[in-house]
Amino acid sequence: MPVQFTYFLAVEASNAATGTILQFMGPVFIALWMLVAHCQLPTRAEGLAIICALLGSFLLVTHGNPGTLVISVWALIWGLLSGVSSATNTLLPTKLLTKYDPMTVNTWSMLLGGILFNLVQPVWSIHIPLTALNISKLVFVILFGTLLAFLFFLQSLQYIRPTVVSLLDAFEPLSATVIAVVLLGVSFGWLDILGSVLIISTVFILAIGQGPNDRTAENFKESEH
């Protein structure tokens, strides 16, 4: 629930590309969590990834001027919270996926999230014109942007290493940026592009630095046991 909620709020406060890129700071928050909660010092690769992510975020939100924000404060807040939510979405299901299949975990997660949201905003109180275009947009977000996206993500963790999953997941901010610029007319300057590249590069740095064994994921599982 927090992943989708904070992400959509970040997109609303900025644009699809910026919201997606800020969400992609999730691997950095995972490394910081391992440091704080399990006293696991970051490796050289993790340290470099953190530096790249922080520098990339600085360029993306300030264009190099620390006294100026080129995006709104709320866009920055929701974007960072989206990254934290993405990290928890990767770490929390680890033990569940050893006992239950991804479909079960995904179904219960979305059911409980939907119930919680309806306590605040009941679905019958939302007044949206039920045009064919609006219905098609809702169906697309529900099926492709939520249900299948999370199901495929959890399913992939059963077959390939989390580092590889994160590496493949790097295509999300890349595609979001390209689509936003080409189809939606979002303006991206060279500092935005440099900041985006630095943030996206973190997952490649982590994947290369961890090599054949995913130390972060393995140590997290050991600490949980």
C-alpha atoms as a PDB file:
ATOM      1  CA  MET A   1       0.000   0.000   0.000  1.00  0.00           C
ATOM      2  CA  PRO A   2       2.689   2.614   0.887  1.00  0.00           C
ATOM      3  CA  VAL A   3       4.615   1.821  -2.323  1.00  0.00           C
ATOM      4  CA  GLN A   4       1.747   2.779  -4.613  1.00  0.00           C
ATOM      5  CA  PHE A   5       0.382   5.580  -2.417  1.00  0.00           C
ATOM      6  CA  THR A   6       3.651   7.495  -1.990  1.00  0.00           C
ATOM      7  CA  TYR A   7       4.638   6.877  -5.619  1.00  0.00           C
ATOM      8  CA  PHE A   8       1.426   8.344  -7.042  1.00  0.00           C
ATOM      9  CA  LEU A   9       1.694  11.323  -4.691  1.00  0.00           C
ATOM     10  CA  ALA A  10       5.286  11.892  -5.861  1.00  0.00           C
ATOM     11  CA  VAL A  11       4.158  11.758  -9.502  1.00  0.00           C
ATOM     12  CA  GLU A  12       1.298  14.165  -8.752  1.00  0.00           C
ATOM     13  CA  ALA A  13       3.704  16.628  -7.084  1.00  0.00           C
ATOM     14  CA  SER A  14       6.311  16.391  -9.868  1.00  0.00           C
ATOM     15  CA  ASN A  15       6.086  14.121 -12.917  1.00  0.00           C
ATOM     16  CA  ALA A  16       6.277  10.430 -13.782  1.00  0.00           C
ATOM     17  CA  ALA A  17      10.011  10.459 -14.498  1.00  0.00           C
ATOM     18  CA  THR A  18      11.066  12.277 -11.313  1.00  0.00           C
ATOM     19  CA  GLY A  19       8.737  10.223  -9.113  1.00  0.00           C
ATOM     20  CA  THR A  20      10.011   6.941 -10.557  1.00  0.00           C
ATOM     21  CA  ILE A  21      13.676   7.936 -10.259  1.00  0.00           C
ATOM     22  CA  LEU A  22      13.319   9.011  -6.612  1.00  0.00           C
ATOM     23  CA  GLN A  23      11.528   5.742  -5.861  1.00  0.00           C
ATOM     24  CA  PHE A  24      14.568   3.952  -7.223  1.00  0.00           C
ATOM     25  CA  MET A  25      16.618   5.009  -4.183  1.00  0.00           C
ATOM     26  CA  GLY A  26      15.182   1.895  -2.513  1.00  0.00           C
ATOM     27  CA  PRO A  27      18.455  -0.119  -2.709  1.00  0.00           C
ATOM     28  CA  VAL A  28      20.243   2.668  -0.832  1.00  0.00           C
ATOM     29  CA  PHE A  29      17.695   2.561   1.990  1.00  0.00           C
ATOM     30  CA  ILE A  30      18.146  -1.223   2.135  1.00  0.00           C
ATOM     31  CA  ALA A  31      21.901  -0.751   2.628  1.00  0.00           C
ATOM     32  CA  LEU A  32      21.278   1.885   5.320  1.00  0.00           C
ATOM     33  CA  TRP A  33      18.807  -0.428   7.071  1.00  0.00           C
ATOM     34  CA  MET A  34      21.383  -3.218   7.171  1.00  0.00           C
ATOM     35  CA  LEU A  35      23.862  -0.767   8.705  1.00  0.00           C
ATOM     36  CA  VAL A  36      21.504   0.551  11.400  1.00  0.00           C
ATOM     37  CA  ALA A  37      19.499  -2.565  12.264  1.00  0.00           C
ATOM     38  CA  HIS A  38      22.152  -5.254  11.846  1.00  0.00           C
ATOM     39  CA  CYS A  39      25.407  -3.285  12.328  1.00  0.00           C
ATOM     40  CA  GLN A  40      26.555  -4.399   8.897  1.00  0.00           C
ATOM     41  CA  LEU A  41      28.989  -1.902   7.471  1.00  0.00           C
ATOM     42  CA  PRO A  42      28.494  -1.174   3.788  1.00  0.00           C
ATOM     43  CA  THR A  43      30.948  -2.639   1.329  1.00  0.00           C
ATOM     44  CA  ARG A  44      32.887  -0.400  -1.035  1.00  0.00           C
ATOM     45  CA  ALA A  45      30.224  -0.960  -3.676  1.00  0.00           C
ATOM     46  CA  GLU A  46      27.425  -0.092  -1.260  1.00  0.00           C
ATOM     47  CA  GLY A  47      29.277   3.006  -0.067  1.00  0.00           C
ATOM     48  CA  LEU A  48      29.835   4.139  -3.647  1.00  0.00           C
ATOM     49  CA  ALA A  49      26.172   3.467  -4.452  1.00  0.00           C
ATOM     50  CA  ILE A  50      25.033   5.588  -1.506  1.00  0.00           C
ATOM     51  CA  ILE A  51      27.286   8.454  -2.571  1.00  0.00           C
ATOM     52  CA  CYS A  52      26.014   8.261  -6.167  1.00  0.00           C
ATOM     53  CA  ALA A  53      22.390   8.177  -5.025  1.00  0.00           C
ATOM     54  CA  LEU A  54      22.798  11.159  -2.706  1.00  0.00           C
ATOM     55  CA  LEU A  55      24.707  13.159  -5.323  1.00  0.00           C
ATOM     56  CA  GLY A  56      22.182  12.224  -8.005  1.00  0.00           C
ATOM     57  CA  SER A  57      19.264  13.251  -5.796  1.00  0.00           C
ATOM     58  CA  PHE A  58      21.018  16.536  -4.999  1.00  0.00           C
ATOM     59  CA  LEU A  59      21.424  17.337  -8.699  1.00  0.00           C
ATOM     60  CA  LEU A  60      17.893  16.214  -9.540  1.00  0.00           C
ATOM     61  CA  VAL A  61      16.167  18.348  -6.906  1.00  0.00           C
ATOM     62  CA  THR A  62      18.504  21.404  -6.766  1.00  0.00           C
ATOM     63  CA  HIS A  63      20.394  21.468 -10.103  1.00  0.00           C
ATOM     64  CA  GLY A  64      23.566  21.942  -8.084  1.00  0.00           C
ATOM     65  CA  ASN A  65      22.360  24.975  -6.126  1.00  0.00           C
ATOM     66  CA  PRO A  66      21.797  23.981  -2.459  1.00  0.00           C
ATOM     67  CA  GLY A  67      19.694  27.090  -1.846  1.00  0.00           C
ATOM     68  CA  THR A  68      17.117  26.244  -4.525  1.00  0.00           C
ATOM     69  CA  LEU A  69      14.657  23.401  -5.041  1.00  0.00           C
ATOM     70  CA  VAL A  70      13.682  22.827  -8.675  1.00  0.00           C
ATOM     71  CA  ILE A  71      10.895  20.478  -7.554  1.00  0.00           C
ATOM     72  CA  SER A  72       8.388  21.105  -4.795  1.00  0.00           C
ATOM     73  CA  VAL A  73       9.134  20.133  -1.209  1.00  0.00           C
ATOM     74  CA  TRP A  74       6.244  17.682  -1.303  1.00  0.00           C
ATOM     75  CA  ALA A  75       7.597  16.056  -4.446  1.00  0.00           C
ATOM     76  CA  LEU A  76      10.902  15.485  -2.642  1.00  0.00           C
ATOM     77  CA  ILE A  77       9.220  14.196   0.526  1.00  0.00           C
ATOM     78  CA  TRP A  78       6.877  11.803  -1.280  1.00  0.00           C
ATOM     79  CA  GLY A  79       9.682  10.683  -3.600  1.00  0.00           C
ATOM     80  CA  LEU A  80      11.974   9.779  -0.700  1.00  0.00           C
ATOM     81  CA  LEU A  81       9.139   8.047   1.153  1.00  0.00           C
ATOM     82  CA  SER A  82       8.461   6.131  -2.038  1.00  0.00           C
ATOM     83  CA  GLY A  83      12.074   4.935  -1.975  1.00  0.00           C
ATOM     84  CA  VAL A  84      11.704   3.852   1.665  1.00  0.00           C
ATOM     85  CA  SER A  85       8.479   2.022   0.801  1.00  0.00           C
ATOM     86  CA  SER A  86      10.193   0.286  -2.105  1.00  0.00           C
ATOM     87  CA  ALA A  87      12.931  -0.907   0.250  1.00  0.00           C
ATOM     88  CA  THR A  88      10.455  -2.310   2.777  1.00  0.00           C
ATOM     89  CA  ASN A  89       8.555  -4.005  -0.047  1.00  0.00           C
ATOM     90  CA  THR A  90      11.751  -5.884  -0.887  1.00  0.00           C
ATOM     91  CA  LEU A  91      12.801  -6.763   2.664  1.00  0.00           C
ATOM     92  CA  LEU A  92       9.542  -7.552   4.455  1.00  0.00           C
ATOM     93  CA  PRO A  93       8.197 -10.392   2.228  1.00  0.00           C
ATOM     94  CA  THR A  94      11.443 -12.418   2.535  1.00  0.00           C
ATOM     95  CA  LYS A  95      10.209 -14.785   5.253  1.00  0.00           C
ATOM     96  CA  LEU A  96       6.678 -14.999   3.836  1.00  0.00           C
ATOM     97  CA  LEU A  97       7.994 -16.110   0.436  1.00  0.00           C
ATOM     98  CA  THR A  98       9.792 -19.046   2.061  1.00  0.00           C
ATOM     99  CA  LYS A  99       6.406 -20.379   3.256  1.00  0.00           C
ATOM    100  CA  TYR A 100       3.844 -19.145   0.736  1.00  0.00           C
ATOM    101  CA  ASP A 101       3.720 -18.647  -3.014  1.00  0.00           C
ATOM    102  CA  PRO A 102       3.874 -15.089  -4.452  1.00  0.00           C
ATOM    103  CA  MET A 103       0.219 -15.170  -5.552  1.00  0.00           C
ATOM    104  CA  THR A 104      -0.921 -15.735  -1.957  1.00  0.00           C
ATOM    105  CA  VAL A 105       1.335 -13.018  -0.554  1.00  0.00           C
ATOM    106  CA  ASN A 106       0.355 -10.581  -3.290  1.00  0.00           C
ATOM    107  CA  THR A 107      -3.383 -11.248  -2.961  1.00  0.00           C
ATOM    108  CA  TRP A 108      -3.516 -10.822   0.809  1.00  0.00           C
ATOM    109  CA  SER A 109      -1.331  -7.706   0.650  1.00  0.00           C
ATOM    110  CA  MET A 110      -3.596  -5.975  -1.841  1.00  0.00           C
ATOM    111  CA  LEU A 111      -6.781  -7.103  -0.092  1.00  0.00           C
ATOM    112  CA  LEU A 112      -5.644  -5.729   3.280  1.00  0.00           C
ATOM    113  CA  GLY A 113      -4.300  -2.557   1.647  1.00  0.00           C
ATOM    114  CA  GLY A 114      -7.617  -2.001  -0.128  1.00  0.00           C
ATOM    115  CA  ILE A 115      -9.573  -2.475   3.108  1.00  0.00           C
ATOM    116  CA  LEU A 116      -7.363   0.036   4.938  1.00  0.00           C
ATOM    117  CA  PHE A 117      -7.742   2.604   2.147  1.00  0.00           C
ATOM    118  CA  ASN A 118     -11.525   2.183   2.151  1.00  0.00           C
ATOM    119  CA  LEU A 119     -11.622   3.137   5.840  1.00  0.00           C
ATOM    120  CA  VAL A 120     -10.270   6.544   4.813  1.00  0.00           C
ATOM    121  CA  GLN A 121     -11.702   6.896   1.306  1.00  0.00           C
ATOM    122  CA  PRO A 122     -14.605   4.504   0.614  1.00  0.00           C
ATOM    123  CA  VAL A 123     -14.754   3.507  -3.029  1.00  0.00           C
ATOM    124  CA  TRP A 124     -18.437   4.483  -3.284  1.00  0.00           C
ATOM    125  CA  SER A 125     -17.642   8.072  -2.261  1.00  0.00           C
ATOM    126  CA  ILE A 126     -15.266   8.658  -5.171  1.00  0.00           C
ATOM    127  CA  HIS A 127     -17.038  10.505  -7.953  1.00  0.00           C
ATOM    128  CA  ILE A 128     -15.311   9.776 -11.251  1.00  0.00           C
ATOM    129  CA  PRO A 129     -17.163   9.987 -14.572  1.00  0.00           C
ATOM    130  CA  LEU A 130     -17.422   6.394 -15.790  1.00  0.00           C
ATOM    131  CA  THR A 131     -16.403   7.116 -19.346  1.00  0.00           C
ATOM    132  CA  ALA A 132     -14.762   4.462 -21.488  1.00  0.00           C
ATOM    133  CA  LEU A 133     -11.451   6.338 -21.309  1.00  0.00           C
ATOM    134  CA  ASN A 134     -11.479   6.597 -17.492  1.00  0.00           C
ATOM    135  CA  ILE A 135     -12.442   2.947 -17.100  1.00  0.00           C
ATOM    136  CA  SER A 136      -9.669   1.845 -19.458  1.00  0.00           C
ATOM    137  CA  LYS A 137      -7.132   3.928 -17.492  1.00  0.00           C
ATOM    138  CA  LEU A 138      -8.253   2.415 -14.194  1.00  0.00           C
ATOM    139  CA  VAL A 139      -8.124  -1.107 -15.605  1.00  0.00           C
ATOM    140  CA  PHE A 140      -4.611  -0.493 -16.932  1.00  0.00           C
ATOM    141  CA  VAL A 141      -3.351   0.826 -13.567  1.00  0.00           C
ATOM    142  CA  ILE A 142      -4.994  -2.039 -11.659  1.00  0.00           C
ATOM    143  CA  LEU A 143      -3.849  -4.861 -13.938  1.00  0.00           C
ATOM    144  CA  PHE A 144      -0.481  -3.754 -15.312  1.00  0.00           C
ATOM    145  CA  GLY A 145       0.674  -1.053 -12.910  1.00  0.00           C
ATOM    146  CA  THR A 146      -0.281  -2.892  -9.723  1.00  0.00           C
ATOM    147  CA  LEU A 147      -1.420  -6.521  -9.851  1.00  0.00           C
ATOM    148  CA  LEU A 148       0.903  -7.971 -12.499  1.00  0.00           C
ATOM    149  CA  ALA A 149       3.808  -5.669 -11.604  1.00  0.00           C
ATOM    150  CA  PHE A 150       3.935  -6.773  -7.963  1.00  0.00           C
ATOM    151  CA  LEU A 151       3.132 -10.398  -8.776  1.00  0.00           C
ATOM    152  CA  PHE A 152       5.936 -10.671 -11.327  1.00  0.00           C
ATOM    153  CA  PHE A 153       8.347  -8.907  -8.945  1.00  0.00           C
ATOM    154  CA  LEU A 154       7.655 -11.360  -6.101  1.00  0.00           C
ATOM    155  CA  GLN A 155       7.605 -14.326  -8.477  1.00  0.00           C
ATOM    156  CA  SER A 156      11.037 -13.437  -9.880  1.00  0.00           C
ATOM    157  CA  LEU A 157      12.570 -13.533  -6.382  1.00  0.00           C
ATOM    158  CA  GLN A 158      11.948 -17.291  -6.351  1.00  0.00           C
ATOM    159  CA  TYR A 159      14.013 -17.906  -9.477  1.00  0.00           C
ATOM    160  CA  ILE A 160      16.797 -15.314  -9.652  1.00  0.00           C
ATOM    161  CA  ARG A 161      18.932 -13.434  -7.139  1.00  0.00           C
ATOM    162  CA  PRO A 162      17.641 -10.129  -5.707  1.00  0.00           C
ATOM    163  CA  THR A 163      20.626  -8.376  -7.309  1.00  0.00           C
ATOM    164  CA  VAL A 164      19.524  -9.564 -10.738  1.00  0.00           C
ATOM    165  CA  VAL A 165      15.930  -8.550  -9.986  1.00  0.00           C
ATOM    166  CA  SER A 166      17.116  -5.064  -9.035  1.00  0.00           C
ATOM    167  CA  LEU A 167      19.268  -4.913 -12.150  1.00  0.00           C
ATOM    168  CA  LEU A 168      16.325  -5.728 -14.407  1.00  0.00           C
ATOM    169  CA  ASP A 169      14.137  -3.337 -12.411  1.00  0.00           C
ATOM    170  CA  ALA A 170      16.450  -0.521 -13.531  1.00  0.00           C
ATOM    171  CA  PHE A 171      14.526  -0.452 -16.803  1.00  0.00           C
ATOM    172  CA  GLU A 172      11.551   1.100 -14.978  1.00  0.00           C
ATOM    173  CA  PRO A 173      13.051   4.560 -14.326  1.00  0.00           C
ATOM    174  CA  LEU A 174      14.808   4.471 -17.705  1.00  0.00           C
ATOM    175  CA  SER A 175      11.584   3.755 -19.584  1.00  0.00           C
ATOM    176  CA  ALA A 176       9.616   6.220 -17.438  1.00  0.00           C
ATOM    177  CA  THR A 177      12.074   8.987 -18.253  1.00  0.00           C
ATOM    178  CA  VAL A 178      12.095   8.264 -21.989  1.00  0.00           C
ATOM    179  CA  ILE A 179       8.292   8.055 -22.171  1.00  0.00           C
ATOM    180  CA  ALA A 180       7.865  11.222 -20.093  1.00  0.00           C
ATOM    181  CA  VAL A 181      10.208  13.189 -22.356  1.00  0.00           C
ATOM    182  CA  VAL A 182       9.065  11.767 -25.710  1.00  0.00           C
ATOM    183  CA  LEU A 183       5.319  11.346 -25.203  1.00  0.00           C
ATOM    184  CA  LEU A 184       4.403  13.648 -22.305  1.00  0.00           C
ATOM    185  CA  GLY A 185       6.635  16.591 -23.145  1.00  0.00           C
ATOM    186  CA  VAL A 186       8.454  16.651 -19.782  1.00  0.00           C
ATOM    187  CA  SER A 187      11.520  18.878 -19.930  1.00  0.00           C
ATOM    188  CA  PHE A 188      14.761  17.280 -18.712  1.00  0.00           C
ATOM    189  CA  GLY A 189      17.980  19.305 -18.632  1.00  0.00           C
ATOM    190  CA  TRP A 190      21.496  17.882 -18.576  1.00  0.00           C
ATOM    191  CA  LEU A 191      21.677  18.165 -14.768  1.00  0.00           C
ATOM    192  CA  ASP A 192      18.421  16.213 -14.484  1.00  0.00           C
ATOM    193  CA  ILE A 193      19.840  13.557 -16.792  1.00  0.00           C
ATOM    194  CA  LEU A 194      23.140  13.402 -14.859  1.00  0.00           C
ATOM    195  CA  GLY A 195      21.312  13.118 -11.533  1.00  0.00           C
ATOM    196  CA  SER A 196      19.045  10.398 -12.934  1.00  0.00           C
ATOM    197  CA  VAL A 197      22.011   8.422 -14.284  1.00  0.00           C
ATOM    198  CA  LEU A 198      23.769   8.603 -10.903  1.00  0.00           C
ATOM    199  CA  ILE A 199      20.694   7.320  -9.062  1.00  0.00           C
ATOM    200  CA  ILE A 200      19.989   4.538 -11.559  1.00  0.00           C
ATOM    201  CA  SER A 201      23.671   3.527 -11.563  1.00  0.00           C
ATOM    202  CA  THR A 202      23.414   2.519  -7.906  1.00  0.00           C
ATOM    203  CA  VAL A 203      21.733  -0.775  -8.740  1.00  0.00           C
ATOM    204  CA  PHE A 204      24.446  -1.658 -11.276  1.00  0.00           C
ATOM    205  CA  ILE A 205      27.154  -0.780  -8.738  1.00  0.00           C
ATOM    206  CA  LEU A 206      25.488  -2.956  -6.089  1.00  0.00           C
ATOM    207  CA  ALA A 207      24.964  -5.854  -8.504  1.00  0.00           C
ATOM    208  CA  ILE A 208      28.569  -5.808  -9.738  1.00  0.00           C
ATOM    209  CA  GLY A 209      29.988  -5.275  -6.247  1.00  0.00           C
ATOM    210  CA  GLN A 210      28.066  -8.161  -4.688  1.00  0.00           C
ATOM    211  CA  GLY A 211      29.085 -10.613  -7.366  1.00  0.00           C
ATOM    212  CA  PRO A 212      27.610 -14.123  -7.449  1.00  0.00           C
ATOM    213  CA  ASN A 213      26.355 -14.021  -3.864  1.00  0.00           C
ATOM    214  CA  ASP A 214      23.920 -11.425  -2.673  1.00  0.00           C
ATOM    215  CA  ARG A 215      25.422 -10.603   0.696  1.00  0.00           C
ATOM    216  CA  THR A 216      22.707  -8.178   1.736  1.00  0.00           C
ATOM    217  CA  ALA A 217      19.865 -10.587   1.129  1.00  0.00           C
ATOM    218  CA  GLU A 218      21.696 -13.556   2.679  1.00  0.00           C
ATOM    219  CA  ASN A 219      22.691 -11.701   5.825  1.00  0.00           C
ATOM    220  CA  PHE A 220      19.192 -10.311   6.202  1.00  0.00           C
ATOM    221  CA  LYS A 221      17.716 -13.807   6.081  1.00  0.00           C
ATOM    222  CA  GLU A 222      20.303 -15.075   8.585  1.00  0.00           C
ATOM    223  CA  SER A 223      19.550 -12.238  10.999  1.00  0.00           C
ATOM    224  CA  GLU A 224      15.808 -12.946  10.747  1.00  0.00           C
ATOM    225  CA  HIS A 225      16.363 -16.624  11.626  1.00  0.00           C
END
